Amino acid sequence: FYGPGPTHVRWLSALLTSTAFHGALERDEVERRLSGRPAGCYLIRLGGKDEHPFTISVASSAGAQHKRVRHVWGSDAWMIAVNGRTLQFESFGELLASPHCRFGQPCPKPSAKAVQMHAYEEADV
């Protein structure tokens, strides 16, 4: 049997309950959540591809930037492209803390009421 080890289970549990993790979001919703946020404000969402399980979306002066994150199977390492170079980190926490990536504060999750209001406004259009 091959599957995630205890380290991966602990890490995934911590990610899913973190303030930075926003779940499965479409790009337009991500851009709405990051709009008006300071540069470096980020959120983590499901990436939608096996080789890139997560995407880190970051607010910048040019709008939201989306960076796919890839796990190095058989290890705790993660890779991300930054300024045309692929960087590898020994943990996801190390990736988030790296000065090369320039992530600031996590984007707060909207309240359930705000999400419902947005869905209502979208349906009303």
N, C-alpha and C. Protein backbone atom coordinates (compact mmCIF):
# COMPACT_ATOMS: atom_id res chain seq x y z
N PHE A 1 0.84 -1.19 0.00
CA PHE A 1 0.00 0.00 0.00
C PHE A 1 0.88 1.24 0.00
N TYR A 2 0.60 2.13 -0.93
CA TYR A 2 1.32 3.40 -0.98
C TYR A 2 0.31 4.52 -0.76
N GLY A 3 0.62 5.39 0.10
CA GLY A 3 -0.27 6.52 0.36
C GLY A 3 0.48 7.56 1.16
N PRO A 4 -0.22 8.61 1.56
CA PRO A 4 0.45 9.65 2.33
C PRO A 4 0.88 9.13 3.69
N GLY A 5 2.07 9.51 4.10
CA GLY A 5 2.57 9.12 5.41
C GLY A 5 2.04 10.07 6.47
N PRO A 6 2.37 9.80 7.74
CA PRO A 6 1.89 10.63 8.84
C PRO A 6 2.27 12.10 8.70
N THR A 7 3.47 12.37 8.14
CA THR A 7 3.90 13.77 7.96
C THR A 7 2.95 14.49 7.01
N HIS A 8 2.58 13.82 5.91
CA HIS A 8 1.68 14.44 4.94
C HIS A 8 0.29 14.65 5.53
N VAL A 9 -0.18 13.70 6.30
CA VAL A 9 -1.51 13.83 6.90
C VAL A 9 -1.53 15.01 7.88
N ARG A 10 -0.49 15.14 8.71
CA ARG A 10 -0.43 16.28 9.64
C ARG A 10 -0.36 17.60 8.89
N TRP A 11 0.47 17.64 7.84
CA TRP A 11 0.62 18.87 7.07
C TRP A 11 -0.68 19.24 6.39
N LEU A 12 -1.34 18.28 5.75
CA LEU A 12 -2.59 18.54 5.05
C LEU A 12 -3.67 19.00 6.02
N SER A 13 -3.74 18.40 7.19
CA SER A 13 -4.70 18.81 8.20
C SER A 13 -4.46 20.26 8.63
N ALA A 14 -3.19 20.62 8.82
CA ALA A 14 -2.86 22.00 9.21
C ALA A 14 -3.22 22.96 8.08
N LEU A 15 -2.96 22.58 6.83
CA LEU A 15 -3.28 23.46 5.71
C LEU A 15 -4.78 23.70 5.60
N LEU A 16 -5.55 22.62 5.68
CA LEU A 16 -7.00 22.73 5.49
C LEU A 16 -7.67 23.59 6.56
N THR A 17 -7.06 23.71 7.72
CA THR A 17 -7.64 24.52 8.79
C THR A 17 -6.98 25.90 8.90
N SER A 18 -6.00 26.19 8.05
CA SER A 18 -5.31 27.48 8.13
C SER A 18 -6.15 28.60 7.54
N THR A 19 -5.88 29.82 7.97
CA THR A 19 -6.61 30.97 7.44
C THR A 19 -6.28 31.23 5.98
N ALA A 20 -5.13 30.77 5.51
CA ALA A 20 -4.71 31.02 4.13
C ALA A 20 -5.42 30.12 3.12
N PHE A 21 -5.93 28.96 3.56
CA PHE A 21 -6.53 28.01 2.63
C PHE A 21 -7.99 28.37 2.36
N HIS A 22 -8.31 28.60 1.09
CA HIS A 22 -9.66 29.01 0.70
C HIS A 22 -10.41 27.94 -0.07
N GLY A 23 -9.82 26.76 -0.24
CA GLY A 23 -10.52 25.67 -0.92
C GLY A 23 -10.46 25.77 -2.43
N ALA A 24 -11.49 25.25 -3.08
CA ALA A 24 -11.57 25.27 -4.55
C ALA A 24 -12.27 26.56 -4.98
N LEU A 25 -11.53 27.41 -5.69
CA LEU A 25 -12.08 28.68 -6.16
C LEU A 25 -11.78 28.88 -7.63
N GLU A 26 -12.69 29.50 -8.33
CA GLU A 26 -12.43 29.91 -9.71
C GLU A 26 -11.57 31.17 -9.69
N ARG A 27 -10.87 31.41 -10.77
CA ARG A 27 -9.94 32.53 -10.85
C ARG A 27 -10.63 33.88 -10.59
N ASP A 28 -11.83 34.07 -11.11
CA ASP A 28 -12.50 35.37 -10.91
C ASP A 28 -12.84 35.60 -9.43
N GLU A 29 -13.18 34.54 -8.71
CA GLU A 29 -13.45 34.67 -7.28
C GLU A 29 -12.17 34.98 -6.52
N VAL A 30 -11.07 34.35 -6.91
CA VAL A 30 -9.78 34.63 -6.28
C VAL A 30 -9.42 36.10 -6.48
N GLU A 31 -9.57 36.59 -7.69
CA GLU A 31 -9.23 37.98 -7.99
C GLU A 31 -10.13 38.94 -7.21
N ARG A 32 -11.38 38.58 -7.02
CA ARG A 32 -12.29 39.41 -6.23
C ARG A 32 -11.82 39.46 -4.77
N ARG A 33 -11.43 38.31 -4.23
CA ARG A 33 -10.99 38.26 -2.83
C ARG A 33 -9.68 39.02 -2.60
N LEU A 34 -8.81 39.05 -3.61
CA LEU A 34 -7.53 39.75 -3.45
C LEU A 34 -7.59 41.22 -3.86
N SER A 35 -8.66 41.61 -4.53
CA SER A 35 -8.79 42.99 -4.99
C SER A 35 -8.74 43.98 -3.82
N GLY A 36 -7.90 44.99 -3.95
CA GLY A 36 -7.78 46.01 -2.91
C GLY A 36 -6.90 45.60 -1.73
N ARG A 37 -6.37 44.39 -1.76
CA ARG A 37 -5.48 43.93 -0.69
C ARG A 37 -4.07 44.43 -0.96
N PRO A 38 -3.25 44.57 0.09
CA PRO A 38 -1.87 45.01 -0.13
C PRO A 38 -1.05 43.96 -0.89
N ALA A 39 -0.04 44.42 -1.61
CA ALA A 39 0.84 43.53 -2.36
C ALA A 39 1.43 42.48 -1.41
N GLY A 40 1.43 41.25 -1.86
CA GLY A 40 1.95 40.15 -1.05
C GLY A 40 0.88 39.38 -0.31
N CYS A 41 -0.30 39.97 -0.15
CA CYS A 41 -1.41 39.27 0.49
C CYS A 41 -1.72 38.04 -0.38
N TYR A 42 -1.88 36.88 0.23
CA TYR A 42 -2.02 35.66 -0.56
C TYR A 42 -3.11 34.76 0.00
N LEU A 43 -3.53 33.85 -0.86
CA LEU A 43 -4.40 32.76 -0.42
C LEU A 43 -3.95 31.49 -1.12
N ILE A 44 -4.25 30.38 -0.50
CA ILE A 44 -3.91 29.07 -1.06
C ILE A 44 -5.22 28.42 -1.47
N ARG A 45 -5.22 27.85 -2.66
CA ARG A 45 -6.43 27.18 -3.15
C ARG A 45 -6.04 25.89 -3.85
N LEU A 46 -7.01 25.05 -4.08
CA LEU A 46 -6.75 23.81 -4.81
C LEU A 46 -6.34 24.17 -6.23
N GLY A 47 -5.33 23.47 -6.73
CA GLY A 47 -4.77 23.79 -8.04
C GLY A 47 -5.47 23.13 -9.21
N GLY A 48 -6.14 22.02 -8.96
CA GLY A 48 -6.89 21.38 -10.03
C GLY A 48 -6.10 20.46 -10.93
N LYS A 49 -4.80 20.30 -10.67
CA LYS A 49 -3.99 19.40 -11.48
C LYS A 49 -3.20 18.49 -10.55
N ASP A 50 -3.06 17.22 -10.95
CA ASP A 50 -2.37 16.27 -10.10
C ASP A 50 -0.96 16.71 -9.75
N GLU A 51 -0.21 17.19 -10.75
CA GLU A 51 1.17 17.55 -10.48
C GLU A 51 1.30 18.90 -9.77
N HIS A 52 0.24 19.67 -9.75
CA HIS A 52 0.21 20.97 -9.06
C HIS A 52 -1.03 21.01 -8.17
N PRO A 53 -0.98 20.36 -7.00
CA PRO A 53 -2.20 20.25 -6.19
C PRO A 53 -2.70 21.57 -5.61
N PHE A 54 -1.80 22.55 -5.48
CA PHE A 54 -2.19 23.83 -4.90
C PHE A 54 -1.70 24.98 -5.76
N THR A 55 -2.45 26.07 -5.70
CA THR A 55 -2.04 27.32 -6.31
C THR A 55 -2.02 28.36 -5.22
N ILE A 56 -0.97 29.16 -5.20
CA ILE A 56 -0.91 30.30 -4.29
C ILE A 56 -1.18 31.53 -5.13
N SER A 57 -2.25 32.23 -4.82
CA SER A 57 -2.60 33.45 -5.53
C SER A 57 -2.21 34.63 -4.67
N VAL A 58 -1.54 35.60 -5.29
CA VAL A 58 -0.92 36.70 -4.56
C VAL A 58 -1.37 38.03 -5.14
N ALA A 59 -1.73 38.98 -4.26
CA ALA A 59 -2.08 40.32 -4.69
C ALA A 59 -0.80 41.07 -5.09
N SER A 60 -0.88 41.82 -6.19
CA SER A 60 0.24 42.66 -6.61
C SER A 60 -0.32 43.93 -7.24
N SER A 61 0.55 44.88 -7.51
CA SER A 61 0.09 46.14 -8.11
C SER A 61 -0.46 45.90 -9.52
N ALA A 62 -0.08 44.80 -10.15
CA ALA A 62 -0.56 44.47 -11.49
C ALA A 62 -1.77 43.53 -11.46
N GLY A 63 -2.34 43.30 -10.27
CA GLY A 63 -3.46 42.37 -10.13
C GLY A 63 -2.98 41.08 -9.51
N ALA A 64 -3.85 40.11 -9.45
CA ALA A 64 -3.51 38.84 -8.82
C ALA A 64 -2.56 38.03 -9.70
N GLN A 65 -1.57 37.43 -9.06
CA GLN A 65 -0.67 36.51 -9.74
C GLN A 65 -0.93 35.12 -9.16
N HIS A 66 -0.85 34.13 -10.02
CA HIS A 66 -1.19 32.76 -9.62
C HIS A 66 0.04 31.87 -9.80
N LYS A 67 0.50 31.28 -8.71
CA LYS A 67 1.70 30.45 -8.74
C LYS A 67 1.35 29.02 -8.36
N ARG A 68 1.59 28.11 -9.29
CA ARG A 68 1.33 26.70 -9.01
C ARG A 68 2.45 26.13 -8.16
N VAL A 69 2.05 25.30 -7.22
CA VAL A 69 2.99 24.68 -6.30
C VAL A 69 2.98 23.17 -6.55
N ARG A 70 4.16 22.60 -6.62
CA ARG A 70 4.26 21.16 -6.89
C ARG A 70 4.97 20.46 -5.74
N HIS A 71 4.41 19.35 -5.33
CA HIS A 71 5.00 18.53 -4.26
C HIS A 71 5.98 17.55 -4.88
N VAL A 72 7.11 17.36 -4.25
CA VAL A 72 8.10 16.37 -4.68
C VAL A 72 7.77 15.08 -3.95
N TRP A 73 7.13 14.14 -4.65
CA TRP A 73 6.67 12.90 -4.02
C TRP A 73 7.83 12.12 -3.45
N GLY A 74 7.57 11.48 -2.32
CA GLY A 74 8.59 10.72 -1.64
C GLY A 74 9.42 11.57 -0.69
N SER A 75 9.05 12.84 -0.56
CA SER A 75 9.77 13.74 0.35
C SER A 75 8.77 14.76 0.90
N ASP A 76 9.25 15.66 1.71
CA ASP A 76 8.42 16.75 2.21
C ASP A 76 8.61 18.01 1.38
N ALA A 77 9.40 17.93 0.30
CA ALA A 77 9.80 19.10 -0.48
C ALA A 77 8.69 19.59 -1.41
N TRP A 78 8.72 20.91 -1.67
CA TRP A 78 7.77 21.58 -2.55
C TRP A 78 8.53 22.48 -3.50
N MET A 79 7.99 22.64 -4.73
CA MET A 79 8.63 23.49 -5.73
C MET A 79 7.66 24.54 -6.23
N ILE A 80 8.22 25.71 -6.57
CA ILE A 80 7.43 26.82 -7.09
C ILE A 80 8.32 27.62 -8.04
N ALA A 81 7.75 28.15 -9.10
CA ALA A 81 8.50 29.00 -10.04
C ALA A 81 8.42 30.45 -9.55
N VAL A 82 9.60 31.08 -9.45
CA VAL A 82 9.69 32.47 -9.02
C VAL A 82 10.66 33.18 -9.95
N ASN A 83 10.18 34.22 -10.62
CA ASN A 83 11.02 35.00 -11.54
C ASN A 83 11.74 34.12 -12.56
N GLY A 84 11.03 33.16 -13.12
CA GLY A 84 11.58 32.31 -14.15
C GLY A 84 12.46 31.18 -13.66
N ARG A 85 12.65 31.07 -12.36
CA ARG A 85 13.46 29.99 -11.79
C ARG A 85 12.58 29.08 -10.94
N THR A 86 12.85 27.79 -10.97
CA THR A 86 12.14 26.86 -10.11
C THR A 86 12.92 26.70 -8.82
N LEU A 87 12.27 27.01 -7.72
CA LEU A 87 12.90 26.90 -6.40
C LEU A 87 12.30 25.71 -5.66
N GLN A 88 13.12 25.03 -4.90
CA GLN A 88 12.66 23.89 -4.11
C GLN A 88 12.88 24.19 -2.64
N PHE A 89 11.88 23.83 -1.83
CA PHE A 89 11.92 24.06 -0.39
C PHE A 89 11.66 22.75 0.33
N GLU A 90 12.23 22.61 1.50
CA GLU A 90 12.11 21.38 2.26
C GLU A 90 10.75 21.19 2.91
N SER A 91 9.95 22.23 2.97
CA SER A 91 8.60 22.13 3.53
C SER A 91 7.74 23.24 2.94
N PHE A 92 6.43 23.08 3.06
CA PHE A 92 5.52 24.11 2.55
C PHE A 92 5.66 25.38 3.39
N GLY A 93 5.87 25.23 4.69
CA GLY A 93 6.08 26.39 5.56
C GLY A 93 7.32 27.17 5.17
N GLU A 94 8.39 26.46 4.81
CA GLU A 94 9.61 27.13 4.37
C GLU A 94 9.35 27.90 3.07
N LEU A 95 8.57 27.33 2.17
CA LEU A 95 8.20 28.00 0.93
C LEU A 95 7.48 29.31 1.23
N LEU A 96 6.47 29.24 2.11
CA LEU A 96 5.69 30.44 2.43
C LEU A 96 6.53 31.52 3.11
N ALA A 97 7.53 31.11 3.89
CA ALA A 97 8.36 32.06 4.63
C ALA A 97 9.54 32.60 3.82
N SER A 98 9.79 32.04 2.65
CA SER A 98 10.98 32.42 1.88
C SER A 98 10.90 33.88 1.40
N PRO A 99 11.98 34.64 1.58
CA PRO A 99 12.00 36.01 1.07
C PRO A 99 12.00 36.04 -0.47
N HIS A 100 12.38 34.94 -1.12
CA HIS A 100 12.35 34.88 -2.58
C HIS A 100 10.92 34.91 -3.11
N CYS A 101 9.99 34.36 -2.35
CA CYS A 101 8.59 34.29 -2.79
C CYS A 101 7.81 35.57 -2.48
N ARG A 102 8.23 36.30 -1.47
CA ARG A 102 7.62 37.59 -1.10
C ARG A 102 6.13 37.50 -0.77
N PHE A 103 5.76 36.48 -0.02
CA PHE A 103 4.38 36.39 0.45
C PHE A 103 4.24 37.23 1.70
N GLY A 104 3.14 37.97 1.78
CA GLY A 104 2.87 38.79 2.95
C GLY A 104 1.92 38.06 3.89
N GLN A 105 0.85 38.73 4.24
CA GLN A 105 -0.14 38.17 5.15
C GLN A 105 -1.17 37.36 4.38
N PRO A 106 -1.71 36.31 5.00
CA PRO A 106 -2.78 35.55 4.35
C PRO A 106 -4.03 36.42 4.16
N CYS A 107 -4.71 36.20 3.06
CA CYS A 107 -5.97 36.89 2.78
C CYS A 107 -7.04 36.29 3.70
N PRO A 108 -7.75 37.12 4.44
CA PRO A 108 -8.79 36.56 5.31
C PRO A 108 -9.91 35.91 4.50
N LYS A 109 -10.45 34.85 5.05
CA LYS A 109 -11.58 34.20 4.40
C LYS A 109 -12.82 35.06 4.62
N PRO A 110 -13.66 35.16 3.60
CA PRO A 110 -14.91 35.90 3.82
C PRO A 110 -15.84 35.13 4.74
N SER A 111 -16.71 35.84 5.41
CA SER A 111 -17.69 35.17 6.26
C SER A 111 -18.68 34.41 5.38
N ALA A 112 -19.35 33.43 5.95
CA ALA A 112 -20.34 32.67 5.20
C ALA A 112 -21.43 33.60 4.67
N LYS A 113 -21.79 34.63 5.43
CA LYS A 113 -22.82 35.57 5.00
C LYS A 113 -22.35 36.35 3.77
N ALA A 114 -21.09 36.77 3.74
CA ALA A 114 -20.56 37.51 2.60
C ALA A 114 -20.55 36.63 1.35
N VAL A 115 -20.20 35.35 1.50
CA VAL A 115 -20.21 34.43 0.37
C VAL A 115 -21.62 34.25 -0.16
N GLN A 116 -22.59 34.12 0.75
CA GLN A 116 -23.99 33.97 0.33
C GLN A 116 -24.48 35.22 -0.39
N MET A 117 -24.12 36.40 0.12
CA MET A 117 -24.53 37.66 -0.53
C MET A 117 -23.94 37.77 -1.92
N HIS A 118 -22.67 37.41 -2.08
CA HIS A 118 -22.04 37.47 -3.40
C HIS A 118 -22.73 36.51 -4.37
N ALA A 119 -23.04 35.31 -3.92
CA ALA A 119 -23.73 34.33 -4.76
C ALA A 119 -25.10 34.85 -5.16
N TYR A 120 -25.78 35.51 -4.23
CA TYR A 120 -27.10 36.08 -4.52
C TYR A 120 -26.99 37.20 -5.57
N GLU A 121 -26.00 38.08 -5.39
CA GLU A 121 -25.80 39.18 -6.35
C GLU A 121 -25.46 38.65 -7.73
N GLU A 122 -24.63 37.59 -7.80
CA GLU A 122 -24.26 37.01 -9.10
C GLU A 122 -25.49 36.41 -9.79
N ALA A 123 -26.36 35.75 -9.02
CA ALA A 123 -27.56 35.14 -9.59
C ALA A 123 -28.57 36.17 -10.03
N ASP A 124 -28.53 37.34 -9.41
CA ASP A 124 -29.48 38.40 -9.69
C ASP A 124 -29.16 39.14 -10.98
N VAL A 125 -27.95 38.99 -11.48
CA VAL A 125 -27.51 39.74 -12.67
C VAL A 125 -28.14 39.23 -13.91
